[in-house]
Amino acid sequence: MLKFVKHNLETISGVEVYPIISLLIFFIFFVALYTWVYTYKKDKINEMSLLPFEKEEGVNQNN
């Protein structure tokens, strides 16, 4: 099966650049994601972690 795919890919001019582009997109995405998470403010993370424990107002007033 690989020879069918390989033959079709060989007929496309400039196909060797696509794996490089996909690797760069993958690498840049995860480096940016790591940078965003690493520089996120600690107090904002703590605030967001407490959201599930906050009581919802106006949803169930009988209790």
PDB file of N, CA and C in Angstrom:
ATOM      1  N   MET A   1       0.821  -1.201   0.000  1.00  0.00           N
ATOM      2  CA  MET A   1       0.000   0.000   0.000  1.00  0.00           C
ATOM      3  C   MET A   1       0.861   1.259   0.000  1.00  0.00           C
ATOM      4  N   LEU A   2       2.000   1.207   0.660  1.00  0.00           N
ATOM      5  CA  LEU A   2       2.864   2.372   0.735  1.00  0.00           C
ATOM      6  C   LEU A   2       3.380   2.781  -0.644  1.00  0.00           C
ATOM      7  N   LYS A   3       3.593   1.806  -1.536  1.00  0.00           N
ATOM      8  CA  LYS A   3       4.118   2.162  -2.855  1.00  0.00           C
ATOM      9  C   LYS A   3       3.093   2.963  -3.664  1.00  0.00           C
ATOM     10  N   PHE A   4       1.794   2.749  -3.421  1.00  0.00           N
ATOM     11  CA  PHE A   4       0.780   3.539  -4.122  1.00  0.00           C
ATOM     12  C   PHE A   4       0.814   4.989  -3.652  1.00  0.00           C
ATOM     13  N   VAL A   5       0.948   5.186  -2.356  1.00  0.00           N
ATOM     14  CA  VAL A   5       1.012   6.537  -1.800  1.00  0.00           C
ATOM     15  C   VAL A   5       2.309   7.209  -2.220  1.00  0.00           C
ATOM     16  N   LYS A   6       3.408   6.462  -2.140  1.00  0.00           N
ATOM     17  CA  LYS A   6       4.708   7.023  -2.489  1.00  0.00           C
ATOM     18  C   LYS A   6       4.751   7.441  -3.959  1.00  0.00           C
ATOM     19  N   HIS A   7       4.171   6.643  -4.817  1.00  0.00           N
ATOM     20  CA  HIS A   7       4.165   6.982  -6.241  1.00  0.00           C
ATOM     21  C   HIS A   7       3.348   8.250  -6.494  1.00  0.00           C
ATOM     22  N   ASN A   8       2.201   8.380  -5.832  1.00  0.00           N
ATOM     23  CA  ASN A   8       1.381   9.575  -6.019  1.00  0.00           C
ATOM     24  C   ASN A   8       2.069  10.819  -5.482  1.00  0.00           C
ATOM     25  N   LEU A   9       2.768  10.684  -4.369  1.00  0.00           N
ATOM     26  CA  LEU A   9       3.457  11.829  -3.796  1.00  0.00           C
ATOM     27  C   LEU A   9       4.670  12.247  -4.633  1.00  0.00           C
ATOM     28  N   GLU A  10       5.310  11.301  -5.295  1.00  0.00           N
ATOM     29  CA  GLU A  10       6.466  11.626  -6.131  1.00  0.00           C
ATOM     30  C   GLU A  10       6.078  12.467  -7.335  1.00  0.00           C
ATOM     31  N   THR A  11       4.838  12.380  -7.770  1.00  0.00           N
ATOM     32  CA  THR A  11       4.415  13.136  -8.943  1.00  0.00           C
ATOM     33  C   THR A  11       4.097  14.597  -8.613  1.00  0.00           C
ATOM     34  N   ILE A  12       3.972  14.946  -7.325  1.00  0.00           N
ATOM     35  CA  ILE A  12       3.675  16.322  -6.927  1.00  0.00           C
ATOM     36  C   ILE A  12       4.995  17.077  -6.808  1.00  0.00           C
ATOM     37  N   SER A  13       5.097  18.184  -7.504  1.00  0.00           N
ATOM     38  CA  SER A  13       6.332  18.962  -7.425  1.00  0.00           C
ATOM     39  C   SER A  13       6.362  19.761  -6.122  1.00  0.00           C
ATOM     40  N   GLY A  14       7.501  19.740  -5.465  1.00  0.00           N
ATOM     41  CA  GLY A  14       7.672  20.474  -4.220  1.00  0.00           C
ATOM     42  C   GLY A  14       7.047  19.808  -3.016  1.00  0.00           C
ATOM     43  N   VAL A  15       6.777  18.509  -3.079  1.00  0.00           N
ATOM     44  CA  VAL A  15       6.107  17.815  -1.982  1.00  0.00           C
ATOM     45  C   VAL A  15       7.018  17.663  -0.766  1.00  0.00           C
ATOM     46  N   GLU A  16       8.314  17.758  -0.943  1.00  0.00           N
ATOM     47  CA  GLU A  16       9.243  17.561   0.169  1.00  0.00           C
ATOM     48  C   GLU A  16       9.192  18.680   1.199  1.00  0.00           C
ATOM     49  N   VAL A  17       8.553  19.796   0.874  1.00  0.00           N
ATOM     50  CA  VAL A  17       8.475  20.911   1.805  1.00  0.00           C
ATOM     51  C   VAL A  17       7.314  20.753   2.799  1.00  0.00           C
ATOM     52  N   TYR A  18       6.322  19.957   2.479  1.00  0.00           N
ATOM     53  CA  TYR A  18       5.151  19.802   3.348  1.00  0.00           C
ATOM     54  C   TYR A  18       5.466  19.187   4.711  1.00  0.00           C
ATOM     55  N   PRO A  19       6.290  18.150   4.799  1.00  0.00           N
ATOM     56  CA  PRO A  19       6.632  17.646   6.136  1.00  0.00           C
ATOM     57  C   PRO A  19       7.383  18.672   6.988  1.00  0.00           C
ATOM     58  N   ILE A  20       8.211  19.473   6.366  1.00  0.00           N
ATOM     59  CA  ILE A  20       8.948  20.503   7.095  1.00  0.00           C
ATOM     60  C   ILE A  20       7.991  21.564   7.624  1.00  0.00           C
ATOM     61  N   ILE A  21       7.051  21.984   6.800  1.00  0.00           N
ATOM     62  CA  ILE A  21       6.059  22.982   7.222  1.00  0.00           C
ATOM     63  C   ILE A  21       5.196  22.440   8.352  1.00  0.00           C
ATOM     64  N   SER A  22       4.752  21.196   8.244  1.00  0.00           N
ATOM     65  CA  SER A  22       3.907  20.630   9.298  1.00  0.00           C
ATOM     66  C   SER A  22       4.678  20.482  10.606  1.00  0.00           C
ATOM     67  N   LEU A  23       5.951  20.122  10.549  1.00  0.00           N
ATOM     68  CA  LEU A  23       6.773  20.032  11.753  1.00  0.00           C
ATOM     69  C   LEU A  23       6.957  21.410  12.380  1.00  0.00           C
ATOM     70  N   LEU A  24       7.183  22.423  11.568  1.00  0.00           N
ATOM     71  CA  LEU A  24       7.329  23.787  12.091  1.00  0.00           C
ATOM     72  C   LEU A  24       6.048  24.283  12.743  1.00  0.00           C
ATOM     73  N   ILE A  25       4.905  24.020  12.125  1.00  0.00           N
ATOM     74  CA  ILE A  25       3.625  24.431  12.713  1.00  0.00           C
ATOM     75  C   ILE A  25       3.418  23.723  14.046  1.00  0.00           C
ATOM     76  N   PHE A  26       3.678  22.428  14.105  1.00  0.00           N
ATOM     77  CA  PHE A  26       3.551  21.648  15.328  1.00  0.00           C
ATOM     78  C   PHE A  26       4.467  22.207  16.413  1.00  0.00           C
ATOM     79  N   PHE A  27       5.720  22.443  16.084  1.00  0.00           N
ATOM     80  CA  PHE A  27       6.710  22.921  17.044  1.00  0.00           C
ATOM     81  C   PHE A  27       6.368  24.319  17.537  1.00  0.00           C
ATOM     82  N   ILE A  28       6.015  25.225  16.638  1.00  0.00           N
ATOM     83  CA  ILE A  28       5.680  26.605  17.018  1.00  0.00           C
ATOM     84  C   ILE A  28       4.430  26.639  17.886  1.00  0.00           C
ATOM     85  N   PHE A  29       3.432  25.822  17.569  1.00  0.00           N
ATOM     86  CA  PHE A  29       2.207  25.780  18.367  1.00  0.00           C
ATOM     87  C   PHE A  29       2.502  25.376  19.804  1.00  0.00           C
ATOM     88  N   PHE A  30       3.272  24.302  19.993  1.00  0.00           N
ATOM     89  CA  PHE A  30       3.523  23.833  21.344  1.00  0.00           C
ATOM     90  C   PHE A  30       4.495  24.722  22.107  1.00  0.00           C
ATOM     91  N   VAL A  31       5.419  25.365  21.431  1.00  0.00           N
ATOM     92  CA  VAL A  31       6.285  26.332  22.104  1.00  0.00           C
ATOM     93  C   VAL A  31       5.467  27.535  22.552  1.00  0.00           C
ATOM     94  N   ALA A  32       4.562  28.012  21.715  1.00  0.00           N
ATOM     95  CA  ALA A  32       3.700  29.133  22.085  1.00  0.00           C
ATOM     96  C   ALA A  32       2.767  28.751  23.226  1.00  0.00           C
ATOM     97  N   LEU A  33       2.214  27.546  23.192  1.00  0.00           N
ATOM     98  CA  LEU A  33       1.342  27.078  24.259  1.00  0.00           C
ATOM     99  C   LEU A  33       2.107  26.961  25.572  1.00  0.00           C
ATOM    100  N   TYR A  34       3.305  26.432  25.547  1.00  0.00           N
ATOM    101  CA  TYR A  34       4.132  26.321  26.744  1.00  0.00           C
ATOM    102  C   TYR A  34       4.460  27.701  27.295  1.00  0.00           C
ATOM    103  N   THR A  35       4.796  28.632  26.424  1.00  0.00           N
ATOM    104  CA  THR A  35       5.117  29.990  26.859  1.00  0.00           C
ATOM    105  C   THR A  35       3.908  30.658  27.495  1.00  0.00           C
ATOM    106  N   TRP A  36       2.734  30.480  26.898  1.00  0.00           N
ATOM    107  CA  TRP A  36       1.515  31.078  27.441  1.00  0.00           C
ATOM    108  C   TRP A  36       1.201  30.503  28.817  1.00  0.00           C
ATOM    109  N   VAL A  37       1.312  29.189  28.968  1.00  0.00           N
ATOM    110  CA  VAL A  37       1.021  28.557  30.256  1.00  0.00           C
ATOM    111  C   VAL A  37       2.062  28.948  31.298  1.00  0.00           C
ATOM    112  N   TYR A  38       3.305  28.994  30.921  1.00  0.00           N
ATOM    113  CA  TYR A  38       4.383  29.321  31.861  1.00  0.00           C
ATOM    114  C   TYR A  38       4.291  30.756  32.361  1.00  0.00           C
ATOM    115  N   THR A  39       3.834  31.675  31.530  1.00  0.00           N
ATOM    116  CA  THR A  39       3.770  33.085  31.915  1.00  0.00           C
ATOM    117  C   THR A  39       2.412  33.495  32.468  1.00  0.00           C
ATOM    118  N   TYR A  40       1.473  32.540  32.586  1.00  0.00           N
ATOM    119  CA  TYR A  40       0.146  32.864  33.103  1.00  0.00           C
ATOM    120  C   TYR A  40       0.250  33.231  34.573  1.00  0.00           C
ATOM    121  N   LYS A  41      -0.524  34.201  35.015  1.00  0.00           N
ATOM    122  CA  LYS A  41      -0.441  34.686  36.383  1.00  0.00           C
ATOM    123  C   LYS A  41      -0.977  33.652  37.375  1.00  0.00           C
ATOM    124  N   LYS A  42      -0.249  33.488  38.471  1.00  0.00           N
ATOM    125  CA  LYS A  42      -0.603  32.501  39.498  1.00  0.00           C
ATOM    126  C   LYS A  42      -1.951  32.825  40.143  1.00  0.00           C
ATOM    127  N   ASP A  43      -2.235  34.089  40.395  1.00  0.00           N
ATOM    128  CA  ASP A  43      -3.508  34.433  41.030  1.00  0.00           C
ATOM    129  C   ASP A  43      -4.693  34.161  40.103  1.00  0.00           C
ATOM    130  N   LYS A  44      -4.510  34.316  38.805  1.00  0.00           N
ATOM    131  CA  LYS A  44      -5.575  33.999  37.854  1.00  0.00           C
ATOM    132  C   LYS A  44      -5.836  32.484  37.817  1.00  0.00           C
ATOM    133  N   ILE A  45      -4.785  31.694  37.905  1.00  0.00           N
ATOM    134  CA  ILE A  45      -4.933  30.242  37.940  1.00  0.00           C
ATOM    135  C   ILE A  45      -5.678  29.823  39.200  1.00  0.00           C
ATOM    136  N   ASN A  46      -5.325  30.415  40.331  1.00  0.00           N
ATOM    137  CA  ASN A  46      -6.017  30.096  41.584  1.00  0.00           C
ATOM    138  C   ASN A  46      -7.490  30.495  41.517  1.00  0.00           C
ATOM    139  N   GLU A  47      -7.765  31.648  40.926  1.00  0.00           N
ATOM    140  CA  GLU A  47      -9.159  32.097  40.784  1.00  0.00           C
ATOM    141  C   GLU A  47      -9.960  31.129  39.923  1.00  0.00           C
ATOM    142  N   MET A  48      -9.382  30.698  38.832  1.00  0.00           N
ATOM    143  CA  MET A  48     -10.079  29.768  37.944  1.00  0.00           C
ATOM    144  C   MET A  48     -10.235  28.384  38.577  1.00  0.00           C
ATOM    145  N   SER A  49      -9.295  27.981  39.410  1.00  0.00           N
ATOM    146  CA  SER A  49      -9.397  26.664  40.039  1.00  0.00           C
ATOM    147  C   SER A  49     -10.499  26.622  41.086  1.00  0.00           C
ATOM    148  N   LEU A  50     -10.900  27.765  41.623  1.00  0.00           N
ATOM    149  CA  LEU A  50     -11.962  27.813  42.625  1.00  0.00           C
ATOM    150  C   LEU A  50     -13.356  27.963  42.021  1.00  0.00           C
ATOM    151  N   LEU A  51     -13.457  28.169  40.726  1.00  0.00           N
ATOM    152  CA  LEU A  51     -14.754  28.350  40.084  1.00  0.00           C
ATOM    153  C   LEU A  51     -15.726  27.188  40.296  1.00  0.00           C
ATOM    154  N   PRO A  52     -15.309  25.937  40.215  1.00  0.00           N
ATOM    155  CA  PRO A  52     -16.276  24.854  40.410  1.00  0.00           C
ATOM    156  C   PRO A  52     -16.848  24.795  41.831  1.00  0.00           C
ATOM    157  N   PHE A  53     -16.163  25.395  42.795  1.00  0.00           N
ATOM    158  CA  PHE A  53     -16.600  25.319  44.179  1.00  0.00           C
ATOM    159  C   PHE A  53     -17.475  26.492  44.597  1.00  0.00           C
ATOM    160  N   GLU A  54     -17.591  27.490  43.744  1.00  0.00           N
ATOM    161  CA  GLU A  54     -18.427  28.635  44.069  1.00  0.00           C
ATOM    162  C   GLU A  54     -19.890  28.256  43.941  1.00  0.00           C
ATOM    163  N   LYS A  55     -20.700  28.818  44.799  1.00  0.00           N
ATOM    164  CA  LYS A  55     -22.134  28.554  44.770  1.00  0.00           C
ATOM    165  C   LYS A  55     -22.772  29.404  43.679  1.00  0.00           C
ATOM    166  N   GLU A  56     -23.610  28.781  42.870  1.00  0.00           N
ATOM    167  CA  GLU A  56     -24.286  29.523  41.812  1.00  0.00           C
ATOM    168  C   GLU A  56     -25.428  30.322  42.407  1.00  0.00           C
ATOM    169  N   GLU A  57     -25.497  31.587  42.068  1.00  0.00           N
ATOM    170  CA  GLU A  57     -26.538  32.457  42.590  1.00  0.00           C
ATOM    171  C   GLU A  57     -27.757  32.423  41.679  1.00  0.00           C
ATOM    172  N   GLY A  58     -28.933  32.324  42.281  1.00  0.00           N
ATOM    173  CA  GLY A  58     -30.173  32.407  41.528  1.00  0.00           C
ATOM    174  C   GLY A  58     -30.613  31.113  40.861  1.00  0.00           C
ATOM    175  N   VAL A  59     -29.858  30.053  40.958  1.00  0.00           N
ATOM    176  CA  VAL A  59     -30.239  28.815  40.297  1.00  0.00           C
ATOM    177  C   VAL A  59     -31.192  28.008  41.166  1.00  0.00           C
ATOM    178  N   ASN A  60     -30.858  27.830  42.425  1.00  0.00           N
ATOM    179  CA  ASN A  60     -31.695  27.022  43.304  1.00  0.00           C
ATOM    180  C   ASN A  60     -31.854  27.773  44.628  1.00  0.00           C
ATOM    181  N   GLN A  61     -32.818  28.642  44.696  1.00  0.00           N
ATOM    182  CA  GLN A  61     -33.029  29.497  45.853  1.00  0.00           C
ATOM    183  C   GLN A  61     -33.734  28.783  47.001  1.00  0.00           C
ATOM    184  N   ASN A  62     -34.344  27.609  46.797  1.00  0.00           N
ATOM    185  CA  ASN A  62     -35.101  26.912  47.822  1.00  0.00           C
ATOM    186  C   ASN A  62     -34.202  26.274  48.878  1.00  0.00           C
ATOM    187  N   ASN A  63     -32.977  25.958  48.557  1.00  0.00           N
ATOM    188  CA  ASN A  63     -32.084  25.287  49.518  1.00  0.00           C
ATOM    189  C   ASN A  63     -31.294  26.249  50.319  1.00  0.00           C
TER     190      ASN A  63
END
